PDB file of N, CA and C in Angstrom:
ATOM      1  N   MET A   1       0.880  -1.201  -0.074  1.00  0.00           N
ATOM      2  CA  MET A   1       0.074   0.014  -0.071  1.00  0.00           C
ATOM      3  C   MET A   1       0.822   1.246   0.030  1.00  0.00           C
ATOM      4  N   SER A   2       0.276   2.185  -0.628  1.00  0.00           N
ATOM      5  CA  SER A   2       1.012   3.473  -0.654  1.00  0.00           C
ATOM      6  C   SER A   2       0.018   4.636  -0.164  1.00  0.00           C
ATOM      7  N   LYS A   3       0.529   5.594   0.536  1.00  0.00           N
ATOM      8  CA  LYS A   3      -0.370   6.636   1.024  1.00  0.00           C
ATOM      9  C   LYS A   3      -0.112   8.001   0.525  1.00  0.00           C
ATOM     10  N   ILE A   4      -1.157   8.762   0.326  1.00  0.00           N
ATOM     11  CA  ILE A   4      -0.953  10.188   0.067  1.00  0.00           C
ATOM     12  C   ILE A   4      -1.606  10.898   1.300  1.00  0.00           C
ATOM     13  N   ASP A   5      -0.706  11.688   1.911  1.00  0.00           N
ATOM     14  CA  ASP A   5      -1.073  12.570   3.051  1.00  0.00           C
ATOM     15  C   ASP A   5      -0.936  13.940   2.631  1.00  0.00           C
ATOM     16  N   LEU A   6      -1.793  14.818   2.641  1.00  0.00           N
ATOM     17  CA  LEU A   6      -1.663  16.224   2.186  1.00  0.00           C
ATOM     18  C   LEU A   6      -2.569  17.014   3.067  1.00  0.00           C
ATOM     19  N   GLU A   7      -2.182  18.326   3.007  1.00  0.00           N
ATOM     20  CA  GLU A   7      -2.959  19.330   3.843  1.00  0.00           C
ATOM     21  C   GLU A   7      -3.024  20.644   3.036  1.00  0.00           C
ATOM     22  N   VAL A   8      -4.250  21.193   2.857  1.00  0.00           N
ATOM     23  CA  VAL A   8      -4.438  22.385   2.028  1.00  0.00           C
ATOM     24  C   VAL A   8      -5.087  23.432   3.036  1.00  0.00           C
ATOM     25  N   LYS A   9      -4.407  24.575   3.217  1.00  0.00           N
ATOM     26  CA  LYS A   9      -4.759  25.607   4.058  1.00  0.00           C
ATOM     27  C   LYS A   9      -5.859  26.365   3.465  1.00  0.00           C
ATOM     28  N   HIS A  10      -6.752  26.866   4.210  1.00  0.00           N
ATOM     29  CA  HIS A  10      -7.895  27.746   3.825  1.00  0.00           C
ATOM     30  C   HIS A  10      -8.194  28.840   4.907  1.00  0.00           C
ATOM     31  N   SER A  11      -8.861  29.828   4.520  1.00  0.00           N
ATOM     32  CA  SER A  11      -9.254  30.851   5.392  1.00  0.00           C
ATOM     33  C   SER A  11     -10.766  30.851   5.794  1.00  0.00           C
ATOM     34  N   LEU A  12     -11.455  29.830   5.374  1.00  0.00           N
ATOM     35  CA  LEU A  12     -12.833  29.695   5.686  1.00  0.00           C
ATOM     36  C   LEU A  12     -13.169  29.309   7.206  1.00  0.00           C
ATOM     37  N   LYS A  13     -14.441  29.524   7.605  1.00  0.00           N
ATOM     38  CA  LYS A  13     -14.948  28.997   8.685  1.00  0.00           C
ATOM     39  C   LYS A  13     -14.960  27.548   8.587  1.00  0.00           C
ATOM     40  N   GLN A  14     -14.845  26.765   9.710  1.00  0.00           N
ATOM     41  CA  GLN A  14     -14.797  25.229   9.481  1.00  0.00           C
ATOM     42  C   GLN A  14     -16.129  24.610   8.949  1.00  0.00           C
ATOM     43  N   GLU A  15     -17.218  25.222   9.197  1.00  0.00           N
ATOM     44  CA  GLU A  15     -18.459  24.630   8.642  1.00  0.00           C
ATOM     45  C   GLU A  15     -18.523  24.908   7.146  1.00  0.00           C
ATOM     46  N   GLU A  16     -18.102  26.112   6.772  1.00  0.00           N
ATOM     47  CA  GLU A  16     -18.152  26.518   5.344  1.00  0.00           C
ATOM     48  C   GLU A  16     -17.151  25.617   4.505  1.00  0.00           C
ATOM     49  N   ALA A  17     -16.048  25.289   5.102  1.00  0.00           N
ATOM     50  CA  ALA A  17     -15.021  24.483   4.466  1.00  0.00           C
ATOM     51  C   ALA A  17     -15.661  23.151   4.281  1.00  0.00           C
ATOM     52  N   ALA A  18     -16.393  22.603   5.341  1.00  0.00           N
ATOM     53  CA  ALA A  18     -16.878  21.225   5.322  1.00  0.00           C
ATOM     54  C   ALA A  18     -18.013  21.206   4.195  1.00  0.00           C
ATOM     55  N   SER A  19     -18.802  22.236   4.085  1.00  0.00           N
ATOM     56  CA  SER A  19     -19.829  22.443   3.136  1.00  0.00           C
ATOM     57  C   SER A  19     -19.210  22.365   1.698  1.00  0.00           C
ATOM     58  N   ARG A  20     -18.214  23.135   1.455  1.00  0.00           N
ATOM     59  CA  ARG A  20     -17.525  23.137   0.204  1.00  0.00           C
ATOM     60  C   ARG A  20     -16.880  21.805  -0.105  1.00  0.00           C
ATOM     61  N   LEU A  21     -16.272  21.156   0.919  1.00  0.00           N
ATOM     62  CA  LEU A  21     -15.689  19.988   0.717  1.00  0.00           C
ATOM     63  C   LEU A  21     -16.802  18.893   0.327  1.00  0.00           C
ATOM     64  N   GLU A  22     -17.882  18.964   0.997  1.00  0.00           N
ATOM     65  CA  GLU A  22     -18.972  18.010   0.608  1.00  0.00           C
ATOM     66  C   GLU A  22     -19.318  18.234  -0.870  1.00  0.00           C
ATOM     67  N   ALA A  23     -19.425  19.440  -1.328  1.00  0.00           N
ATOM     68  CA  ALA A  23     -19.939  19.807  -2.543  1.00  0.00           C
ATOM     69  C   ALA A  23     -18.910  19.310  -3.442  1.00  0.00           C
ATOM     70  N   PHE A  24     -17.621  19.433  -3.315  1.00  0.00           N
ATOM     71  CA  PHE A  24     -16.620  18.988  -4.099  1.00  0.00           C
ATOM     72  C   PHE A  24     -16.451  17.582  -4.234  1.00  0.00           C
ATOM     73  N   LEU A  25     -16.747  16.788  -3.264  1.00  0.00           N
ATOM     74  CA  LEU A  25     -16.785  15.272  -3.357  1.00  0.00           C
ATOM     75  C   LEU A  25     -18.004  14.825  -4.174  1.00  0.00           C
ATOM     76  N   LYS A  26     -19.096  15.350  -3.881  1.00  0.00           N
ATOM     77  CA  LYS A  26     -20.282  15.063  -4.630  1.00  0.00           C
ATOM     78  C   LYS A  26     -20.033  15.222  -6.164  1.00  0.00           C
ATOM     79  N   GLU A  27     -19.482  16.393  -6.476  1.00  0.00           N
ATOM     80  CA  GLU A  27     -19.163  16.911  -7.872  1.00  0.00           C
ATOM     81  C   GLU A  27     -18.246  15.781  -8.385  1.00  0.00           C
ATOM     82  N   GLN A  28     -17.252  15.281  -7.798  1.00  0.00           N
ATOM     83  CA  GLN A  28     -16.218  14.329  -8.225  1.00  0.00           C
ATOM     84  C   GLN A  28     -16.975  13.015  -8.523  1.00  0.00           C
ATOM     85  N   GLY A  29     -17.872  12.665  -7.607  1.00  0.00           N
ATOM     86  CA  GLY A  29     -18.550  11.536  -7.723  1.00  0.00           C
ATOM     87  C   GLY A  29     -19.387  11.472  -8.999  1.00  0.00           C
ATOM     88  N   LYS A  30     -19.984  12.547  -9.362  1.00  0.00           N
ATOM     89  CA  LYS A  30     -20.889  12.614 -10.531  1.00  0.00           C
ATOM     90  C   LYS A  30     -20.185  12.902 -11.846  1.00  0.00           C
ATOM     91  N   TYR A  31     -19.176  13.771 -11.853  1.00  0.00           N
ATOM     92  CA  TYR A  31     -18.658  14.265 -13.134  1.00  0.00           C
ATOM     93  C   TYR A  31     -17.295  13.827 -13.414  1.00  0.00           C
ATOM     94  N   ASN A  32     -16.368  13.340 -12.499  1.00  0.00           N
ATOM     95  CA  ASN A  32     -15.045  12.986 -12.706  1.00  0.00           C
ATOM     96  C   ASN A  32     -15.085  11.660 -13.590  1.00  0.00           C
ATOM     97  N   LYS A  33     -14.759  11.587 -14.756  1.00  0.00           N
ATOM     98  CA  LYS A  33     -14.847  10.409 -15.595  1.00  0.00           C
ATOM     99  C   LYS A  33     -13.856   9.225 -15.264  1.00  0.00           C
ATOM    100  N   GLN A  34     -12.791   9.732 -14.499  1.00  0.00           N
ATOM    101  CA  GLN A  34     -11.768   8.745 -14.110  1.00  0.00           C
ATOM    102  C   GLN A  34     -12.176   8.036 -12.791  1.00  0.00           C
ATOM    103  N   LEU A  35     -13.205   8.541 -12.141  1.00  0.00           N
ATOM    104  CA  LEU A  35     -13.569   8.092 -10.901  1.00  0.00           C
ATOM    105  C   LEU A  35     -14.887   7.216 -11.073  1.00  0.00           C
ATOM    106  N   SER A  36     -14.917   5.942 -10.526  1.00  0.00           N
ATOM    107  CA  SER A  36     -16.066   5.209 -10.566  1.00  0.00           C
ATOM    108  C   SER A  36     -16.238   4.498  -9.145  1.00  0.00           C
ATOM    109  N   ASN A  37     -17.520   4.086  -9.071  1.00  0.00           N
ATOM    110  CA  ASN A  37     -18.087   3.471  -7.847  1.00  0.00           C
ATOM    111  C   ASN A  37     -17.691   4.196  -6.663  1.00  0.00           C
ATOM    112  N   ALA A  38     -17.809   5.442  -6.646  1.00  0.00           N
ATOM    113  CA  ALA A  38     -17.526   6.379  -5.462  1.00  0.00           C
ATOM    114  C   ALA A  38     -18.509   6.213  -4.472  1.00  0.00           C
ATOM    115  N   VAL A  39     -18.259   6.030  -3.196  1.00  0.00           N
ATOM    116  CA  VAL A  39     -19.101   6.025  -2.143  1.00  0.00           C
ATOM    117  C   VAL A  39     -18.463   7.015  -1.234  1.00  0.00           C
ATOM    118  N   PHE A  40     -19.286   7.946  -0.713  1.00  0.00           N
ATOM    119  CA  PHE A  40     -18.843   8.882   0.331  1.00  0.00           C
ATOM    120  C   PHE A  40     -19.666   8.853   1.569  1.00  0.00           C
ATOM    121  N   GLU A  41     -19.153   8.869   2.790  1.00  0.00           N
ATOM    122  CA  GLU A  41     -19.899   8.829   4.004  1.00  0.00           C
ATOM    123  C   GLU A  41     -19.457  10.238   4.750  1.00  0.00           C
ATOM    124  N   ARG A  42     -20.370  10.976   5.248  1.00  0.00           N
ATOM    125  CA  ARG A  42     -20.044  12.242   6.113  1.00  0.00           C
ATOM    126  C   ARG A  42     -20.380  11.826   7.525  1.00  0.00           C
ATOM    127  N   GLU A  43     -19.335  12.125   8.383  1.00  0.00           N
ATOM    128  CA  GLU A  43     -19.408  12.078   9.816  1.00  0.00           C
ATOM    129  C   GLU A  43     -19.030  13.283  10.373  1.00  0.00           C
ATOM    130  N   GLY A  44     -19.872  14.308  10.550  1.00  0.00           N
ATOM    131  CA  GLY A  44     -19.615  15.727  10.791  1.00  0.00           C
ATOM    132  C   GLY A  44     -18.770  16.349   9.829  1.00  0.00           C
ATOM    133  N   ARG A  45     -17.512  16.680  10.190  1.00  0.00           N
ATOM    134  CA  ARG A  45     -16.629  17.337   9.273  1.00  0.00           C
ATOM    135  C   ARG A  45     -15.595  16.297   8.716  1.00  0.00           C
ATOM    136  N   LEU A  46     -15.798  15.069   8.922  1.00  0.00           N
ATOM    137  CA  LEU A  46     -14.905  14.015   8.296  1.00  0.00           C
ATOM    138  C   LEU A  46     -15.735  13.302   7.171  1.00  0.00           C
ATOM    139  N   PHE A  47     -15.016  13.072   5.980  1.00  0.00           N
ATOM    140  CA  PHE A  47     -15.713  12.395   4.831  1.00  0.00           C
ATOM    141  C   PHE A  47     -14.778  11.146   4.624  1.00  0.00           C
ATOM    142  N   ARG A  48     -15.348   9.984   4.643  1.00  0.00           N
ATOM    143  CA  ARG A  48     -14.742   8.778   4.342  1.00  0.00           C
ATOM    144  C   ARG A  48     -15.211   8.339   2.830  1.00  0.00           C
ATOM    145  N   PHE A  49     -14.302   7.709   2.068  1.00  0.00           N
ATOM    146  CA  PHE A  49     -14.727   7.375   0.815  1.00  0.00           C
ATOM    147  C   PHE A  49     -13.938   6.113   0.287  1.00  0.00           C
ATOM    148  N   THR A  50     -14.675   5.441  -0.563  1.00  0.00           N
ATOM    149  CA  THR A  50     -13.992   4.389  -1.504  1.00  0.00           C
ATOM    150  C   THR A  50     -14.398   4.749  -2.864  1.00  0.00           C
ATOM    151  N   ALA A  51     -13.470   4.139  -3.864  1.00  0.00           N
ATOM    152  CA  ALA A  51     -13.738   4.463  -5.127  1.00  0.00           C
ATOM    153  C   ALA A  51     -12.570   3.736  -6.069  1.00  0.00           C
ATOM    154  N   LYS A  52     -12.862   3.746  -7.277  1.00  0.00           N
ATOM    155  CA  LYS A  52     -11.911   3.345  -8.245  1.00  0.00           C
ATOM    156  C   LYS A  52     -11.522   4.535  -9.195  1.00  0.00           C
ATOM    157  N   VAL A  53     -10.208   4.553  -9.319  1.00  0.00           N
ATOM    158  CA  VAL A  53      -9.757   5.629 -10.185  1.00  0.00           C
ATOM    159  C   VAL A  53      -8.865   4.871 -11.240  1.00  0.00           C
ATOM    160  N   LYS A  54      -9.207   4.982 -12.548  1.00  0.00           N
ATOM    161  CA  LYS A  54      -8.485   4.196 -13.630  1.00  0.00           C
ATOM    162  C   LYS A  54      -8.288   2.877 -13.251  1.00  0.00           C
ATOM    163  N   GLY A  55      -9.323   2.111 -12.700  1.00  0.00           N
ATOM    164  CA  GLY A  55      -9.232   0.716 -12.236  1.00  0.00           C
ATOM    165  C   GLY A  55      -8.735   0.359 -11.062  1.00  0.00           C
ATOM    166  N   PHE A  56      -7.973   1.316 -10.318  1.00  0.00           N
ATOM    167  CA  PHE A  56      -7.361   1.116  -9.035  1.00  0.00           C
ATOM    168  C   PHE A  56      -8.407   1.408  -7.953  1.00  0.00           C
ATOM    169  N   LYS A  57      -8.482   0.452  -6.986  1.00  0.00           N
ATOM    170  CA  LYS A  57      -9.379   0.759  -5.863  1.00  0.00           C
ATOM    171  C   LYS A  57      -8.608   1.580  -4.719  1.00  0.00           C
ATOM    172  N   ILE A  58      -9.253   2.719  -4.333  1.00  0.00           N
ATOM    173  CA  ILE A  58      -8.722   3.565  -3.537  1.00  0.00           C
ATOM    174  C   ILE A  58      -9.620   3.850  -2.275  1.00  0.00           C
ATOM    175  N   LYS A  59      -9.117   4.263  -1.125  1.00  0.00           N
ATOM    176  CA  LYS A  59      -9.985   4.521   0.063  1.00  0.00           C
ATOM    177  C   LYS A  59      -9.316   5.598   0.717  1.00  0.00           C
ATOM    178  N   GLY A  60     -10.122   6.300   1.485  1.00  0.00           N
ATOM    179  CA  GLY A  60      -9.366   7.317   2.393  1.00  0.00           C
ATOM    180  C   GLY A  60     -10.438   8.213   3.195  1.00  0.00           C
ATOM    181  N   ALA A  61      -9.856   9.330   3.710  1.00  0.00           N
ATOM    182  CA  ALA A  61     -10.571  10.194   4.554  1.00  0.00           C
ATOM    183  C   ALA A  61     -10.178  11.631   4.242  1.00  0.00           C
ATOM    184  N   VAL A  62     -11.137  12.600   4.353  1.00  0.00           N
ATOM    185  CA  VAL A  62     -10.808  13.936   4.179  1.00  0.00           C
ATOM    186  C   VAL A  62     -11.473  14.575   5.297  1.00  0.00           C
ATOM    187  N   ALA A  63     -10.745  15.503   5.947  1.00  0.00           N
ATOM    188  CA  ALA A  63     -11.375  16.162   7.107  1.00  0.00           C
ATOM    189  C   ALA A  63     -11.306  17.854   6.883  1.00  0.00           C
ATOM    190  N   ALA A  64     -12.317  18.485   7.306  1.00  0.00           N
ATOM    191  CA  ALA A  64     -12.429  19.991   7.088  1.00  0.00           C
ATOM    192  C   ALA A  64     -12.140  20.392   8.562  1.00  0.00           C
ATOM    193  N   LEU A  65     -10.831  20.949   8.828  1.00  0.00           N
ATOM    194  CA  LEU A  65     -10.453  21.481   9.984  1.00  0.00           C
ATOM    195  C   LEU A  65     -10.498  23.015   9.942  1.00  0.00           C
ATOM    196  N   GLU A  66     -10.257  23.597  11.153  1.00  0.00           N
ATOM    197  CA  GLU A  66     -10.467  25.037  11.213  1.00  0.00           C
ATOM    198  C   GLU A  66      -9.732  25.965  10.301  1.00  0.00           C
ATOM    199  N   HIS A  67      -8.512  25.517   9.946  1.00  0.00           N
ATOM    200  CA  HIS A  67      -7.751  26.359   8.963  1.00  0.00           C
ATOM    201  C   HIS A  67      -7.088  25.462   7.890  1.00  0.00           C
ATOM    202  N   SER A  68      -7.520  24.304   7.582  1.00  0.00           N
ATOM    203  CA  SER A  68      -6.995  23.444   6.702  1.00  0.00           C
ATOM    204  C   SER A  68      -7.914  22.270   6.408  1.00  0.00           C
ATOM    205  N   ILE A  69      -7.657  21.785   5.115  1.00  0.00           N
ATOM    206  CA  ILE A  69      -8.273  20.446   4.819  1.00  0.00           C
ATOM    207  C   ILE A  69      -7.135  19.391   4.744  1.00  0.00           C
ATOM    208  N   LYS A  70      -7.338  18.240   5.606  1.00  0.00           N
ATOM    209  CA  LYS A  70      -6.347  17.146   5.629  1.00  0.00           C
ATOM    210  C   LYS A  70      -6.875  16.073   4.876  1.00  0.00           C
ATOM    211  N   ALA A  71      -6.148  15.419   4.006  1.00  0.00           N
ATOM    212  CA  ALA A  71      -6.584  14.205   3.286  1.00  0.00           C
ATOM    213  C   ALA A  71      -5.634  13.133   3.580  1.00  0.00           C
ATOM    214  N   GLN A  72      -6.138  11.914   3.630  1.00  0.00           N
ATOM    215  CA  GLN A  72      -5.183  10.596   3.568  1.00  0.00           C
ATOM    216  C   GLN A  72      -5.909   9.718   2.668  1.00  0.00           C
ATOM    217  N   ILE A  73      -5.232   9.368   1.697  1.00  0.00           N
ATOM    218  CA  ILE A  73      -5.780   8.401   0.701  1.00  0.00           C
ATOM    219  C   ILE A  73      -4.763   7.213   0.432  1.00  0.00           C
ATOM    220  N   VAL A  74      -5.315   5.900   0.657  1.00  0.00           N
ATOM    221  CA  VAL A  74      -4.581   4.753   0.437  1.00  0.00           C
ATOM    222  C   VAL A  74      -4.591   4.304  -0.940  1.00  0.00           C
ATOM    223  N   LEU A  75      -3.665   4.028  -1.594  1.00  0.00           N
ATOM    224  CA  LEU A  75      -3.593   3.584  -2.937  1.00  0.00           C
ATOM    225  C   LEU A  75      -2.949   2.145  -2.929  1.00  0.00           C
ATOM    226  N   PRO A  76      -3.358   1.344  -3.866  1.00  0.00           N
ATOM    227  CA  PRO A  76      -2.718  -0.017  -4.004  1.00  0.00           C
ATOM    228  C   PRO A  76      -1.306   0.181  -4.486  1.00  0.00           C
ATOM    229  N   LEU A  77      -0.469  -0.851  -4.035  1.00  0.00           N
ATOM    230  CA  LEU A  77       0.879  -0.755  -4.573  1.00  0.00           C
ATOM    231  C   LEU A  77       1.118  -0.550  -5.966  1.00  0.00           C
ATOM    232  N   THR A  78       0.216  -1.125  -6.801  1.00  0.00           N
ATOM    233  CA  THR A  78       0.348  -1.077  -8.237  1.00  0.00           C
ATOM    234  C   THR A  78       0.090   0.458  -8.751  1.00  0.00           C
ATOM    235  N   ALA A  79      -0.539   1.192  -8.043  1.00  0.00           N
ATOM    236  CA  ALA A  79      -0.817   2.610  -8.314  1.00  0.00           C
ATOM    237  C   ALA A  79       0.484   3.705  -7.873  1.00  0.00           C
ATOM    238  N   ARG A  80       1.333   3.045  -7.218  1.00  0.00           N
ATOM    239  CA  ARG A  80       2.433   3.850  -6.632  1.00  0.00           C
ATOM    240  C   ARG A  80       3.085   4.871  -7.801  1.00  0.00           C
ATOM    241  N   PRO A  81       3.299   4.289  -9.012  1.00  0.00           N
ATOM    242  CA  PRO A  81       3.948   5.215  -9.980  1.00  0.00           C
ATOM    243  C   PRO A  81       3.139   6.535 -10.256  1.00  0.00           C
ATOM    244  N   PHE A  82       1.872   6.495  -9.934  1.00  0.00           N
ATOM    245  CA  PHE A  82       0.978   7.602 -10.030  1.00  0.00           C
ATOM    246  C   PHE A  82       0.760   8.538  -8.912  1.00  0.00           C
ATOM    247  N   LYS A  83       1.382   8.122  -7.754  1.00  0.00           N
ATOM    248  CA  LYS A  83       1.147   8.874  -6.531  1.00  0.00           C
ATOM    249  C   LYS A  83       1.430  10.309  -6.669  1.00  0.00           C
ATOM    250  N   GLY A  84       2.554  10.678  -7.189  1.00  0.00           N
ATOM    251  CA  GLY A  84       3.016  12.060  -7.211  1.00  0.00           C
ATOM    252  C   GLY A  84       2.018  12.980  -8.127  1.00  0.00           C
ATOM    253  N   SER A  85       1.617  12.557  -9.240  1.00  0.00           N
ATOM    254  CA  SER A  85       0.777  13.275 -10.082  1.00  0.00           C
ATOM    255  C   SER A  85      -0.731  13.297  -9.508  1.00  0.00           C
ATOM    256  N   ALA A  86      -1.181  12.145  -8.776  1.00  0.00           N
ATOM    257  CA  ALA A  86      -2.446  12.070  -8.207  1.00  0.00           C
ATOM    258  C   ALA A  86      -2.425  13.226  -6.894  1.00  0.00           C
ATOM    259  N   GLU A  87      -1.354  13.254  -6.261  1.00  0.00           N
ATOM    260  CA  GLU A  87      -1.281  14.142  -5.155  1.00  0.00           C
ATOM    261  C   GLU A  87      -1.329  15.533  -5.608  1.00  0.00           C
ATOM    262  N   GLN A  88      -0.660  15.892  -6.700  1.00  0.00           N
ATOM    263  CA  GLN A  88      -0.600  17.221  -7.118  1.00  0.00           C
ATOM    264  C   GLN A  88      -2.073  17.734  -7.716  1.00  0.00           C
ATOM    265  N   ILE A  89      -2.676  16.811  -8.356  1.00  0.00           N
ATOM    266  CA  ILE A  89      -3.985  17.049  -9.051  1.00  0.00           C
ATOM    267  C   ILE A  89      -5.017  17.240  -7.717  1.00  0.00           C
ATOM    268  N   LEU A  90      -5.042  16.305  -6.817  1.00  0.00           N
ATOM    269  CA  LEU A  90      -5.943  16.463  -5.737  1.00  0.00           C
ATOM    270  C   LEU A  90      -5.653  17.708  -4.876  1.00  0.00           C
ATOM    271  N   ARG A  91      -4.450  18.142  -4.730  1.00  0.00           N
ATOM    272  CA  ARG A  91      -4.036  19.401  -4.045  1.00  0.00           C
ATOM    273  C   ARG A  91      -4.511  20.588  -4.704  1.00  0.00           C
ATOM    274  N   GLU A  92      -4.447  20.708  -6.012  1.00  0.00           N
ATOM    275  CA  GLU A  92      -4.954  21.738  -6.964  1.00  0.00           C
ATOM    276  C   GLU A  92      -6.339  21.886  -6.895  1.00  0.00           C
ATOM    277  N   GLN A  93      -7.085  20.699  -6.856  1.00  0.00           N
ATOM    278  CA  GLN A  93      -8.605  20.793  -6.930  1.00  0.00           C
ATOM    279  C   GLN A  93      -9.056  21.075  -5.511  1.00  0.00           C
ATOM    280  N   LEU A  94      -8.431  20.695  -4.457  1.00  0.00           N
ATOM    281  CA  LEU A  94      -8.904  21.026  -3.020  1.00  0.00           C
ATOM    282  C   LEU A  94      -8.605  22.502  -2.872  1.00  0.00           C
ATOM    283  N   GLN A  95      -7.467  23.120  -3.340  1.00  0.00           N
ATOM    284  CA  GLN A  95      -7.195  24.512  -3.304  1.00  0.00           C
ATOM    285  C   GLN A  95      -8.296  25.413  -3.977  1.00  0.00           C
ATOM    286  N   LYS A  96      -8.787  24.825  -5.187  1.00  0.00           N
ATOM    287  CA  LYS A  96      -9.663  25.573  -5.868  1.00  0.00           C
ATOM    288  C   LYS A  96     -11.163  25.525  -5.271  1.00  0.00           C
ATOM    289  N   ALA A  97     -11.457  24.343  -4.645  1.00  0.00           N
ATOM    290  CA  ALA A  97     -12.650  24.274  -3.949  1.00  0.00           C
ATOM    291  C   ALA A  97     -12.682  25.059  -2.787  1.00  0.00           C
ATOM    292  N   MET A  98     -11.625  25.381  -2.216  1.00  0.00           N
ATOM    293  CA  MET A  98     -11.665  26.141  -0.955  1.00  0.00           C
ATOM    294  C   MET A  98     -11.582  27.653  -1.104  1.00  0.00           C
ATOM    295  N   SER A  99     -11.271  28.059  -2.516  1.00  0.00           N
ATOM    296  CA  SER A  99     -11.094  29.543  -2.739  1.00  0.00           C
ATOM    297  C   SER A  99     -12.334  30.105  -3.246  1.00  0.00           C
TER     298      SER A  99
END
C-alpha cells in the first residue's frame, strides 16, 4: 500500500469548509470520468470514501479542520507510480474548492 497525506490551508470557517468539501466530493462522484464506484460517507466534518480511479481501488478520509483540509488516501501498490501526479491534482482541486 502507498499513502497520500496532504494538507491544504484555507481561510474559511470550519463549517463553510466542510460544506465546500462535501460539494466538491459530490461533484467528483458525478462528473469525474476517471472516478467510478464512488461512495462517500460524512461524519460531521470528516468524509470517508472508497472509489476506483482508472481501475485502481482507493479509499481514504478527508477532514475539514479550522484552517485546513487534511486528506489521507490509501492507494494499492500498483498505483504507486501515479502517486505524485495524483497528489498534485488533488491538492490543486482542493485549493480551488476552498477558494
